[in-house]
Amino acid sequence: MADYSCFNFEVVDNIGFITMCRGDELNTMTRLFWKELPEIIKKADKDSKARVLVLKAEGKHFSAGMDFANFVQGKDTEKKDPARMREAFYHEILELQNAFTALEKCRMPTIALIQGACIGGAIDMVAACDLRYCNKDAFFKIAEVDVGLAADVGTLQRLPKLMPFSHVKELAFTGRKFDATEAEKLGLVNKVFPNQESLINEGLKIAKEIASKSPLVTRVIKKQLNYARDNSVDDALEYHAMWNAALISSNDMEKALSAFATKSVADFDDLAELKSFWEKEGLVP
């Protein structure tokens, strides 16, 4: 298990578990959080041992969102040109956005298991995951409006793809809390489980089912669905034809068909480990 401040990360049976480990602090998002999360996802992507990533949290609550104490400007900022500060802040926002976009763009499907509070930046984060499940005690709140902000790291961009547009507007404008039942009704979560134990157990079953499939095929499915979400049907069909022509493996199809016929579990190869040009040339220690 790697040494991180805000997370524990381990891969067991092709399932990568990303666990927020600051339950006593409500798993708030400190500066280190934003550095560590994309590092973990990049590591999982490169190592290629995980075929699915499960994002979960220790403690009573999933996450209370941004830790604003970690983002207070210092006194020296008073001496800096405001325009230059705003330009630098623009890049900082992009960096924060990219931390969650990593969940959306990584090669394997991602699953969020949510208990208790999922507030502010936590909604931005789970919206970037492929699947979301929660227990009946979970509640959600687009809280940024209450502190004079517009949610800026994915909520306003991704939720309209998941939920009815007018409901997203209402929740963003008012910042009101909504419970697990409403979240399921609106399409934010796939399913609500009665308690934390069943959430983890059933979430693990779903992760195991995904991990049993060809990782190359689930990679293609994820890529195609995200592309179809953001493009026309005609463009998505052509894009899919090119990906299928390039990546569908006859070996995986034979294994899958054989397993189906014999009611067994196919033994698929992992995705290839990702190495940069410099690593392949032995220029990176």
C-alpha atoms as a PDB file:
ATOM      1  CA  MET A   1       0.000   0.000   0.000  1.00  0.00           C
ATOM      2  CA  ALA A   2       1.540   3.318  -1.099  1.00  0.00           C
ATOM      3  CA  ASP A   3       2.206   6.116   1.364  1.00  0.00           C
ATOM      4  CA  TYR A   4      -0.363   8.889   0.895  1.00  0.00           C
ATOM      5  CA  SER A   5      -1.753  11.429   3.366  1.00  0.00           C
ATOM      6  CA  CYS A   6      -5.358  11.569   2.181  1.00  0.00           C
ATOM      7  CA  PHE A   7      -5.799   8.107   0.674  1.00  0.00           C
ATOM      8  CA  ASN A   8      -5.050   4.444   1.020  1.00  0.00           C
ATOM      9  CA  PHE A   9      -4.571   2.658  -2.288  1.00  0.00           C
ATOM     10  CA  GLU A  10      -4.264  -1.034  -2.992  1.00  0.00           C
ATOM     11  CA  VAL A  11      -5.050  -3.451  -5.808  1.00  0.00           C
ATOM     12  CA  VAL A  12      -6.641  -6.768  -4.843  1.00  0.00           C
ATOM     13  CA  ASP A  13      -7.769  -9.294  -7.468  1.00  0.00           C
ATOM     14  CA  ASN A  14      -7.666  -6.691 -10.250  1.00  0.00           C
ATOM     15  CA  ILE A  15      -9.755  -4.207  -8.229  1.00  0.00           C
ATOM     16  CA  GLY A  16      -8.096  -0.936  -7.244  1.00  0.00           C
ATOM     17  CA  PHE A  17      -9.404   0.499  -3.969  1.00  0.00           C
ATOM     18  CA  ILE A  18      -8.953   4.250  -3.532  1.00  0.00           C
ATOM     19  CA  THR A  19     -10.009   4.962   0.046  1.00  0.00           C
ATOM     20  CA  MET A  20     -10.185   8.450   1.534  1.00  0.00           C
ATOM     21  CA  CYS A  21      -8.639   7.957   4.962  1.00  0.00           C
ATOM     22  CA  ARG A  22      -9.313  11.211   6.848  1.00  0.00           C
ATOM     23  CA  GLY A  23     -12.675  10.209   8.269  1.00  0.00           C
ATOM     24  CA  ASP A  24     -12.158  12.182  11.477  1.00  0.00           C
ATOM     25  CA  GLU A  25     -11.798  15.327   9.332  1.00  0.00           C
ATOM     26  CA  LEU A  26     -14.830  14.417   7.198  1.00  0.00           C
ATOM     27  CA  ASN A  27     -12.456  13.544   4.338  1.00  0.00           C
ATOM     28  CA  THR A  28     -12.219  17.202   3.375  1.00  0.00           C
ATOM     29  CA  MET A  29     -10.122  18.029   0.348  1.00  0.00           C
ATOM     30  CA  THR A  30      -6.814  19.586   1.399  1.00  0.00           C
ATOM     31  CA  ARG A  31      -4.112  20.697  -1.030  1.00  0.00           C
ATOM     32  CA  LEU A  32      -2.465  17.289  -0.756  1.00  0.00           C
ATOM     33  CA  PHE A  33      -5.761  15.646  -1.723  1.00  0.00           C
ATOM     34  CA  TRP A  34      -5.688  17.319  -5.132  1.00  0.00           C
ATOM     35  CA  LYS A  35      -2.089  16.236  -5.683  1.00  0.00           C
ATOM     36  CA  GLU A  36      -2.497  12.637  -4.533  1.00  0.00           C
ATOM     37  CA  LEU A  37      -5.719  11.654  -6.308  1.00  0.00           C
ATOM     38  CA  PRO A  38      -4.462  12.129  -9.888  1.00  0.00           C
ATOM     39  CA  GLU A  39      -1.133  10.522  -8.911  1.00  0.00           C
ATOM     40  CA  ILE A  40      -2.974   7.398  -7.718  1.00  0.00           C
ATOM     41  CA  ILE A  41      -5.115   7.236 -10.852  1.00  0.00           C
ATOM     42  CA  LYS A  42      -2.065   7.718 -13.074  1.00  0.00           C
ATOM     43  CA  LYS A  43      -0.286   4.934 -11.214  1.00  0.00           C
ATOM     44  CA  ALA A  44      -3.277   2.611 -11.643  1.00  0.00           C
ATOM     45  CA  ASP A  45      -3.461   3.491 -15.324  1.00  0.00           C
ATOM     46  CA  LYS A  46       0.241   2.843 -15.910  1.00  0.00           C
ATOM     47  CA  ASP A  47       0.539  -0.349 -13.869  1.00  0.00           C
ATOM     48  CA  SER A  48      -2.550  -1.832 -15.566  1.00  0.00           C
ATOM     49  CA  LYS A  49      -3.172  -4.354 -12.774  1.00  0.00           C
ATOM     50  CA  ALA A  50      -6.503  -2.796 -11.758  1.00  0.00           C
ATOM     51  CA  ARG A  51      -9.393  -3.434 -14.140  1.00  0.00           C
ATOM     52  CA  VAL A  52     -11.829  -1.317 -12.128  1.00  0.00           C
ATOM     53  CA  LEU A  53     -11.329   1.422  -9.512  1.00  0.00           C
ATOM     54  CA  VAL A  54     -13.515   1.678  -6.403  1.00  0.00           C
ATOM     55  CA  LEU A  55     -13.579   5.091  -4.710  1.00  0.00           C
ATOM     56  CA  LYS A  56     -14.760   4.919  -1.106  1.00  0.00           C
ATOM     57  CA  ALA A  57     -14.207   6.582   2.252  1.00  0.00           C
ATOM     58  CA  GLU A  58     -13.490   5.801   5.883  1.00  0.00           C
ATOM     59  CA  GLY A  59     -15.665   7.309   8.584  1.00  0.00           C
ATOM     60  CA  LYS A  60     -19.293   8.327   8.878  1.00  0.00           C
ATOM     61  CA  HIS A  61     -19.227  10.653   5.888  1.00  0.00           C
ATOM     62  CA  PHE A  62     -17.959  10.255   2.337  1.00  0.00           C
ATOM     63  CA  SER A  63     -16.629  13.819   2.054  1.00  0.00           C
ATOM     64  CA  ALA A  64     -17.587  17.319   3.155  1.00  0.00           C
ATOM     65  CA  GLY A  65     -15.833  18.776   0.115  1.00  0.00           C
ATOM     66  CA  MET A  66     -13.199  21.464  -0.106  1.00  0.00           C
ATOM     67  CA  ASP A  67     -11.104  22.333   2.944  1.00  0.00           C
ATOM     68  CA  PHE A  68     -11.159  26.093   2.447  1.00  0.00           C
ATOM     69  CA  ALA A  69      -8.613  26.650   5.234  1.00  0.00           C
ATOM     70  CA  ASN A  70      -5.999  25.188   2.911  1.00  0.00           C
ATOM     71  CA  PHE A  71      -6.741  27.733   0.198  1.00  0.00           C
ATOM     72  CA  VAL A  72      -6.577  31.008   2.139  1.00  0.00           C
ATOM     73  CA  GLN A  73      -4.385  33.527   0.355  1.00  0.00           C
ATOM     74  CA  GLY A  74      -1.300  34.775   2.148  1.00  0.00           C
ATOM     75  CA  LYS A  75      -0.560  38.386   3.037  1.00  0.00           C
ATOM     76  CA  ASP A  76       2.040  38.673   0.280  1.00  0.00           C
ATOM     77  CA  THR A  77      -0.753  38.525  -2.319  1.00  0.00           C
ATOM     78  CA  GLU A  78      -1.651  42.124  -1.449  1.00  0.00           C
ATOM     79  CA  LYS A  79       1.517  43.231  -3.231  1.00  0.00           C
ATOM     80  CA  LYS A  80       0.802  41.340  -6.443  1.00  0.00           C
ATOM     81  CA  ASP A  81      -0.962  42.627  -9.524  1.00  0.00           C
ATOM     82  CA  PRO A  82      -4.633  41.510  -9.343  1.00  0.00           C
ATOM     83  CA  ALA A  83      -4.783  40.668 -13.041  1.00  0.00           C
ATOM     84  CA  ARG A  84      -1.740  38.410 -12.757  1.00  0.00           C
ATOM     85  CA  MET A  85      -3.177  36.764  -9.666  1.00  0.00           C
ATOM     86  CA  ARG A  86      -6.438  36.029 -11.492  1.00  0.00           C
ATOM     87  CA  GLU A  87      -4.538  34.575 -14.448  1.00  0.00           C
ATOM     88  CA  ALA A  88      -2.626  32.273 -12.100  1.00  0.00           C
ATOM     89  CA  PHE A  89      -5.868  31.355 -10.320  1.00  0.00           C
ATOM     90  CA  TYR A  90      -7.360  30.347 -13.669  1.00  0.00           C
ATOM     91  CA  HIS A  91      -4.597  27.768 -14.058  1.00  0.00           C
ATOM     92  CA  GLU A  92      -5.104  26.566 -10.481  1.00  0.00           C
ATOM     93  CA  ILE A  93      -8.782  25.904 -11.217  1.00  0.00           C
ATOM     94  CA  LEU A  94      -7.815  23.915 -14.319  1.00  0.00           C
ATOM     95  CA  GLU A  95      -5.416  21.869 -12.200  1.00  0.00           C
ATOM     96  CA  LEU A  96      -8.176  21.063  -9.707  1.00  0.00           C
ATOM     97  CA  GLN A  97     -10.552  20.157 -12.538  1.00  0.00           C
ATOM     98  CA  ASN A  98      -7.977  17.790 -14.005  1.00  0.00           C
ATOM     99  CA  ALA A  99      -7.764  15.892 -10.697  1.00  0.00           C
ATOM    100  CA  PHE A 100     -11.361  14.727 -11.170  1.00  0.00           C
ATOM    101  CA  THR A 101     -11.202  14.481 -14.954  1.00  0.00           C
ATOM    102  CA  ALA A 102      -8.551  11.808 -14.342  1.00  0.00           C
ATOM    103  CA  LEU A 103     -11.355   9.584 -13.016  1.00  0.00           C
ATOM    104  CA  GLU A 104     -13.313  10.103 -16.204  1.00  0.00           C
ATOM    105  CA  LYS A 105     -10.395   9.583 -18.582  1.00  0.00           C
ATOM    106  CA  CYS A 106      -8.567   6.673 -16.964  1.00  0.00           C
ATOM    107  CA  ARG A 107      -8.616   3.356 -18.808  1.00  0.00           C
ATOM    108  CA  MET A 108     -10.718   1.419 -16.304  1.00  0.00           C
ATOM    109  CA  PRO A 109     -14.317   1.907 -15.088  1.00  0.00           C
ATOM    110  CA  THR A 110     -14.680   3.786 -11.797  1.00  0.00           C
ATOM    111  CA  ILE A 111     -17.222   3.193  -9.032  1.00  0.00           C
ATOM    112  CA  ALA A 112     -18.029   5.582  -6.168  1.00  0.00           C
ATOM    113  CA  LEU A 113     -19.472   4.119  -2.941  1.00  0.00           C
ATOM    114  CA  ILE A 114     -21.035   6.953  -0.938  1.00  0.00           C
ATOM    115  CA  GLN A 115     -22.117   7.088   2.694  1.00  0.00           C
ATOM    116  CA  GLY A 116     -23.258  10.046   4.755  1.00  0.00           C
ATOM    117  CA  ALA A 117     -22.392  13.507   3.468  1.00  0.00           C
ATOM    118  CA  CYS A 118     -21.414  14.082  -0.145  1.00  0.00           C
ATOM    119  CA  ILE A 119     -21.072  17.842  -0.274  1.00  0.00           C
ATOM    120  CA  GLY A 120     -19.597  20.445  -2.595  1.00  0.00           C
ATOM    121  CA  GLY A 121     -16.418  19.167  -4.208  1.00  0.00           C
ATOM    122  CA  ALA A 122     -17.426  15.593  -3.371  1.00  0.00           C
ATOM    123  CA  ILE A 123     -20.291  15.875  -5.876  1.00  0.00           C
ATOM    124  CA  ASP A 124     -17.830  17.169  -8.474  1.00  0.00           C
ATOM    125  CA  MET A 125     -15.733  14.069  -7.792  1.00  0.00           C
ATOM    126  CA  VAL A 126     -18.427  11.392  -7.912  1.00  0.00           C
ATOM    127  CA  ALA A 127     -19.951  12.963 -11.028  1.00  0.00           C
ATOM    128  CA  ALA A 128     -16.682  12.108 -12.803  1.00  0.00           C
ATOM    129  CA  CYS A 129     -17.034   8.425 -11.873  1.00  0.00           C
ATOM    130  CA  ASP A 130     -18.765   5.942 -14.145  1.00  0.00           C
ATOM    131  CA  LEU A 131     -21.041   4.402 -11.503  1.00  0.00           C
ATOM    132  CA  ARG A 132     -22.326   5.732  -8.180  1.00  0.00           C
ATOM    133  CA  TYR A 133     -23.958   3.815  -5.328  1.00  0.00           C
ATOM    134  CA  CYS A 134     -24.889   5.003  -1.837  1.00  0.00           C
ATOM    135  CA  ASN A 135     -26.464   3.866   1.404  1.00  0.00           C
ATOM    136  CA  LYS A 136     -29.835   5.175   2.590  1.00  0.00           C
ATOM    137  CA  ASP A 137     -28.145   7.602   5.015  1.00  0.00           C
ATOM    138  CA  ALA A 138     -26.305   9.416   2.243  1.00  0.00           C
ATOM    139  CA  PHE A 139     -27.191  13.010   1.446  1.00  0.00           C
ATOM    140  CA  PHE A 140     -25.983  15.460  -1.157  1.00  0.00           C
ATOM    141  CA  LYS A 141     -25.596  19.206  -1.410  1.00  0.00           C
ATOM    142  CA  ILE A 142     -24.210  21.503  -4.122  1.00  0.00           C
ATOM    143  CA  ALA A 143     -22.978  23.798  -1.387  1.00  0.00           C
ATOM    144  CA  GLU A 144     -20.784  26.267  -3.273  1.00  0.00           C
ATOM    145  CA  VAL A 145     -23.573  28.833  -3.721  1.00  0.00           C
ATOM    146  CA  ASP A 146     -23.735  29.209   0.080  1.00  0.00           C
ATOM    147  CA  VAL A 147     -20.118  30.400   0.219  1.00  0.00           C
ATOM    148  CA  GLY A 148     -20.342  32.773  -2.729  1.00  0.00           C
ATOM    149  CA  LEU A 149     -19.022  30.425  -5.403  1.00  0.00           C
ATOM    150  CA  ALA A 150     -20.242  28.582  -8.454  1.00  0.00           C
ATOM    151  CA  ALA A 151     -19.163  24.936  -8.387  1.00  0.00           C
ATOM    152  CA  ASP A 152     -16.132  25.004 -10.661  1.00  0.00           C
ATOM    153  CA  VAL A 153     -14.561  21.544 -10.879  1.00  0.00           C
ATOM    154  CA  GLY A 154     -17.209  19.529 -12.703  1.00  0.00           C
ATOM    155  CA  THR A 155     -20.635  19.570 -11.029  1.00  0.00           C
ATOM    156  CA  LEU A 156     -22.227  22.123 -13.358  1.00  0.00           C
ATOM    157  CA  GLN A 157     -20.736  20.442 -16.416  1.00  0.00           C
ATOM    158  CA  ARG A 158     -21.336  16.756 -15.621  1.00  0.00           C
ATOM    159  CA  LEU A 159     -24.579  16.691 -13.636  1.00  0.00           C
ATOM    160  CA  PRO A 160     -26.680  17.923 -16.598  1.00  0.00           C
ATOM    161  CA  LYS A 161     -25.497  14.777 -18.414  1.00  0.00           C
ATOM    162  CA  LEU A 162     -26.701  12.611 -15.511  1.00  0.00           C
ATOM    163  CA  MET A 163     -29.841  14.338 -14.210  1.00  0.00           C
ATOM    164  CA  PRO A 164     -32.767  16.397 -15.572  1.00  0.00           C
ATOM    165  CA  PHE A 165     -31.474  19.867 -16.406  1.00  0.00           C
ATOM    166  CA  SER A 166     -34.105  21.845 -14.487  1.00  0.00           C
ATOM    167  CA  HIS A 167     -33.428  19.816 -11.326  1.00  0.00           C
ATOM    168  CA  VAL A 168     -29.704  20.483 -11.595  1.00  0.00           C
ATOM    169  CA  LYS A 169     -30.490  24.191 -11.870  1.00  0.00           C
ATOM    170  CA  GLU A 170     -32.714  24.137  -8.800  1.00  0.00           C
ATOM    171  CA  LEU A 171     -30.173  22.272  -6.687  1.00  0.00           C
ATOM    172  CA  ALA A 172     -27.315  24.524  -7.814  1.00  0.00           C
ATOM    173  CA  PHE A 173     -29.270  27.772  -7.348  1.00  0.00           C
ATOM    174  CA  THR A 174     -30.611  26.887  -3.885  1.00  0.00           C
ATOM    175  CA  GLY A 175     -27.841  24.699  -2.467  1.00  0.00           C
ATOM    176  CA  ARG A 176     -30.502  22.630  -0.702  1.00  0.00           C
ATOM    177  CA  LYS A 177     -29.725  19.205   0.684  1.00  0.00           C
ATOM    178  CA  PHE A 178     -31.245  16.173  -1.062  1.00  0.00           C
ATOM    179  CA  ASP A 179     -31.330  12.619   0.218  1.00  0.00           C
ATOM    180  CA  ALA A 180     -30.456   9.220  -1.225  1.00  0.00           C
ATOM    181  CA  THR A 181     -33.986   8.511  -2.428  1.00  0.00           C
ATOM    182  CA  GLU A 182     -34.118  11.723  -4.432  1.00  0.00           C
ATOM    183  CA  ALA A 183     -30.587  11.155  -5.745  1.00  0.00           C
ATOM    184  CA  GLU A 184     -31.654   7.769  -7.106  1.00  0.00           C
ATOM    185  CA  LYS A 185     -34.870   9.172  -8.568  1.00  0.00           C
ATOM    186  CA  LEU A 186     -32.944  11.927 -10.369  1.00  0.00           C
ATOM    187  CA  GLY A 187     -30.336   9.511 -11.710  1.00  0.00           C
ATOM    188  CA  LEU A 188     -27.327  10.685  -9.718  1.00  0.00           C
ATOM    189  CA  VAL A 189     -26.855   7.269  -8.098  1.00  0.00           C
ATOM    190  CA  ASN A 190     -27.469   3.874  -9.674  1.00  0.00           C
ATOM    191  CA  LYS A 191     -28.887   2.281  -6.533  1.00  0.00           C
ATOM    192  CA  VAL A 192     -29.416   2.902  -2.818  1.00  0.00           C
ATOM    193  CA  PHE A 193     -28.495   0.183  -0.307  1.00  0.00           C
ATOM    194  CA  PRO A 194     -30.005  -0.094   3.182  1.00  0.00           C
ATOM    195  CA  ASN A 195     -26.767   0.248   5.147  1.00  0.00           C
ATOM    196  CA  GLN A 196     -23.014   0.668   4.878  1.00  0.00           C
ATOM    197  CA  GLU A 197     -22.272  -3.042   4.999  1.00  0.00           C
ATOM    198  CA  SER A 198     -24.541  -3.847   2.081  1.00  0.00           C
ATOM    199  CA  LEU A 199     -23.194  -0.855   0.156  1.00  0.00           C
ATOM    200  CA  ILE A 200     -19.631  -2.162   0.413  1.00  0.00           C
ATOM    201  CA  ASN A 201     -20.575  -5.809  -0.183  1.00  0.00           C
ATOM    202  CA  GLU A 202     -22.776  -5.132  -3.193  1.00  0.00           C
ATOM    203  CA  GLY A 203     -20.377  -2.554  -4.575  1.00  0.00           C
ATOM    204  CA  LEU A 204     -17.617  -5.141  -4.375  1.00  0.00           C
ATOM    205  CA  LYS A 205     -19.781  -7.667  -6.250  1.00  0.00           C
ATOM    206  CA  ILE A 206     -20.289  -5.169  -9.064  1.00  0.00           C
ATOM    207  CA  ALA A 207     -16.556  -4.385  -9.146  1.00  0.00           C
ATOM    208  CA  LYS A 208     -15.731  -8.117  -9.303  1.00  0.00           C
ATOM    209  CA  GLU A 209     -18.186  -8.614 -12.149  1.00  0.00           C
ATOM    210  CA  ILE A 210     -16.570  -5.785 -14.144  1.00  0.00           C
ATOM    211  CA  ALA A 211     -13.067  -7.051 -13.336  1.00  0.00           C
ATOM    212  CA  SER A 212     -14.011 -10.469 -14.743  1.00  0.00           C
ATOM    213  CA  LYS A 213     -14.590  -8.989 -18.201  1.00  0.00           C
ATOM    214  CA  SER A 214     -11.967  -8.272 -20.834  1.00  0.00           C
ATOM    215  CA  PRO A 215     -10.220  -5.057 -19.671  1.00  0.00           C
ATOM    216  CA  LEU A 216      -9.712  -4.138 -23.315  1.00  0.00           C
ATOM    217  CA  VAL A 217     -13.449  -4.311 -23.960  1.00  0.00           C
ATOM    218  CA  THR A 218     -14.423  -2.320 -20.855  1.00  0.00           C
ATOM    219  CA  ARG A 219     -11.810   0.225 -21.916  1.00  0.00           C
ATOM    220  CA  VAL A 220     -13.476   0.561 -25.321  1.00  0.00           C
ATOM    221  CA  ILE A 221     -16.960   0.729 -23.770  1.00  0.00           C
ATOM    222  CA  LYS A 222     -15.961   3.539 -21.411  1.00  0.00           C
ATOM    223  CA  LYS A 223     -14.271   5.498 -24.198  1.00  0.00           C
ATOM    224  CA  GLN A 224     -17.263   5.093 -26.526  1.00  0.00           C
ATOM    225  CA  LEU A 225     -19.911   6.037 -23.965  1.00  0.00           C
ATOM    226  CA  ASN A 226     -18.092   9.203 -22.930  1.00  0.00           C
ATOM    227  CA  TYR A 227     -17.588  10.155 -26.574  1.00  0.00           C
ATOM    228  CA  ALA A 228     -21.258   9.481 -27.414  1.00  0.00           C
ATOM    229  CA  ARG A 229     -22.328  11.662 -24.480  1.00  0.00           C
ATOM    230  CA  ASP A 230     -20.511  14.669 -25.911  1.00  0.00           C
ATOM    231  CA  ASN A 231     -20.989  14.177 -29.678  1.00  0.00           C
ATOM    232  CA  SER A 232     -23.648  13.472 -32.303  1.00  0.00           C
ATOM    233  CA  VAL A 233     -24.908   9.960 -32.970  1.00  0.00           C
ATOM    234  CA  ASP A 234     -23.340   9.908 -36.451  1.00  0.00           C
ATOM    235  CA  ASP A 235     -19.949  11.023 -35.151  1.00  0.00           C
ATOM    236  CA  ALA A 236     -20.109   8.539 -32.271  1.00  0.00           C
ATOM    237  CA  LEU A 237     -20.973   5.657 -34.612  1.00  0.00           C
ATOM    238  CA  GLU A 238     -18.021   6.398 -36.870  1.00  0.00           C
ATOM    239  CA  TYR A 239     -15.724   6.851 -33.873  1.00  0.00           C
ATOM    240  CA  HIS A 240     -16.863   3.518 -32.488  1.00  0.00           C
ATOM    241  CA  ALA A 241     -16.293   1.772 -35.819  1.00  0.00           C
ATOM    242  CA  MET A 242     -12.696   2.995 -35.859  1.00  0.00           C
ATOM    243  CA  TRP A 243     -12.062   1.906 -32.270  1.00  0.00           C
ATOM    244  CA  ASN A 244     -13.602  -1.528 -32.817  1.00  0.00           C
ATOM    245  CA  ALA A 245     -11.642  -2.044 -36.003  1.00  0.00           C
ATOM    246  CA  ALA A 246      -8.427  -1.105 -34.224  1.00  0.00           C
ATOM    247  CA  LEU A 247      -8.804  -2.695 -30.798  1.00  0.00           C
ATOM    248  CA  ILE A 248     -11.247  -5.601 -30.670  1.00  0.00           C
ATOM    249  CA  SER A 249      -9.230  -8.701 -29.792  1.00  0.00           C
ATOM    250  CA  SER A 250     -10.048 -12.037 -31.426  1.00  0.00           C
ATOM    251  CA  ASN A 251      -8.283 -13.764 -28.516  1.00  0.00           C
ATOM    252  CA  ASP A 252     -10.596 -12.071 -25.998  1.00  0.00           C
ATOM    253  CA  MET A 253     -13.658 -12.921 -28.082  1.00  0.00           C
ATOM    254  CA  GLU A 254     -12.651 -16.592 -28.240  1.00  0.00           C
ATOM    255  CA  LYS A 255     -12.070 -16.698 -24.481  1.00  0.00           C
ATOM    256  CA  ALA A 256     -15.371 -14.948 -23.781  1.00  0.00           C
ATOM    257  CA  LEU A 257     -17.372 -17.235 -26.069  1.00  0.00           C
ATOM    258  CA  SER A 258     -15.704 -20.343 -24.648  1.00  0.00           C
ATOM    259  CA  ALA A 259     -16.414 -19.212 -21.077  1.00  0.00           C
ATOM    260  CA  PHE A 260     -20.034 -18.473 -22.002  1.00  0.00           C
ATOM    261  CA  ALA A 261     -20.482 -21.892 -23.553  1.00  0.00           C
ATOM    262  CA  THR A 262     -18.930 -23.733 -20.600  1.00  0.00           C
ATOM    263  CA  LYS A 263     -20.411 -21.435 -17.918  1.00  0.00           C
ATOM    264  CA  SER A 264     -16.902 -20.689 -16.657  1.00  0.00           C
ATOM    265  CA  VAL A 265     -14.893 -17.510 -16.040  1.00  0.00           C
ATOM    266  CA  ALA A 266     -12.578 -16.386 -18.814  1.00  0.00           C
ATOM    267  CA  ASP A 267      -8.943 -15.630 -18.038  1.00  0.00           C
ATOM    268  CA  PHE A 268      -8.202 -12.365 -19.835  1.00  0.00           C
ATOM    269  CA  ASP A 269      -4.806 -10.691 -20.058  1.00  0.00           C
ATOM    270  CA  ASP A 270      -4.322  -7.344 -18.328  1.00  0.00           C
ATOM    271  CA  LEU A 271      -4.000  -4.215 -20.399  1.00  0.00           C
ATOM    272  CA  ALA A 272      -0.453  -3.421 -21.449  1.00  0.00           C
ATOM    273  CA  GLU A 273       1.559  -1.436 -18.933  1.00  0.00           C
ATOM    274  CA  LEU A 274       1.903   2.176 -20.004  1.00  0.00           C
ATOM    275  CA  LYS A 275       5.462   3.436 -20.435  1.00  0.00           C
ATOM    276  CA  SER A 276       6.590   6.795 -21.703  1.00  0.00           C
ATOM    277  CA  PHE A 277       9.098   7.077 -24.529  1.00  0.00           C
ATOM    278  CA  TRP A 278      11.738   8.013 -21.971  1.00  0.00           C
ATOM    279  CA  GLU A 279      11.017   4.965 -19.810  1.00  0.00           C
ATOM    280  CA  LYS A 280      11.211   2.673 -22.830  1.00  0.00           C
ATOM    281  CA  GLU A 281      14.601   4.131 -23.675  1.00  0.00           C
ATOM    282  CA  GLY A 282      15.796   3.568 -20.100  1.00  0.00           C
ATOM    283  CA  LEU A 283      16.222   7.292 -19.500  1.00  0.00           C
ATOM    284  CA  VAL A 284      13.992   7.377 -16.414  1.00  0.00           C
ATOM    285  CA  PRO A 285      15.358   5.701 -13.269  1.00  0.00           C
END
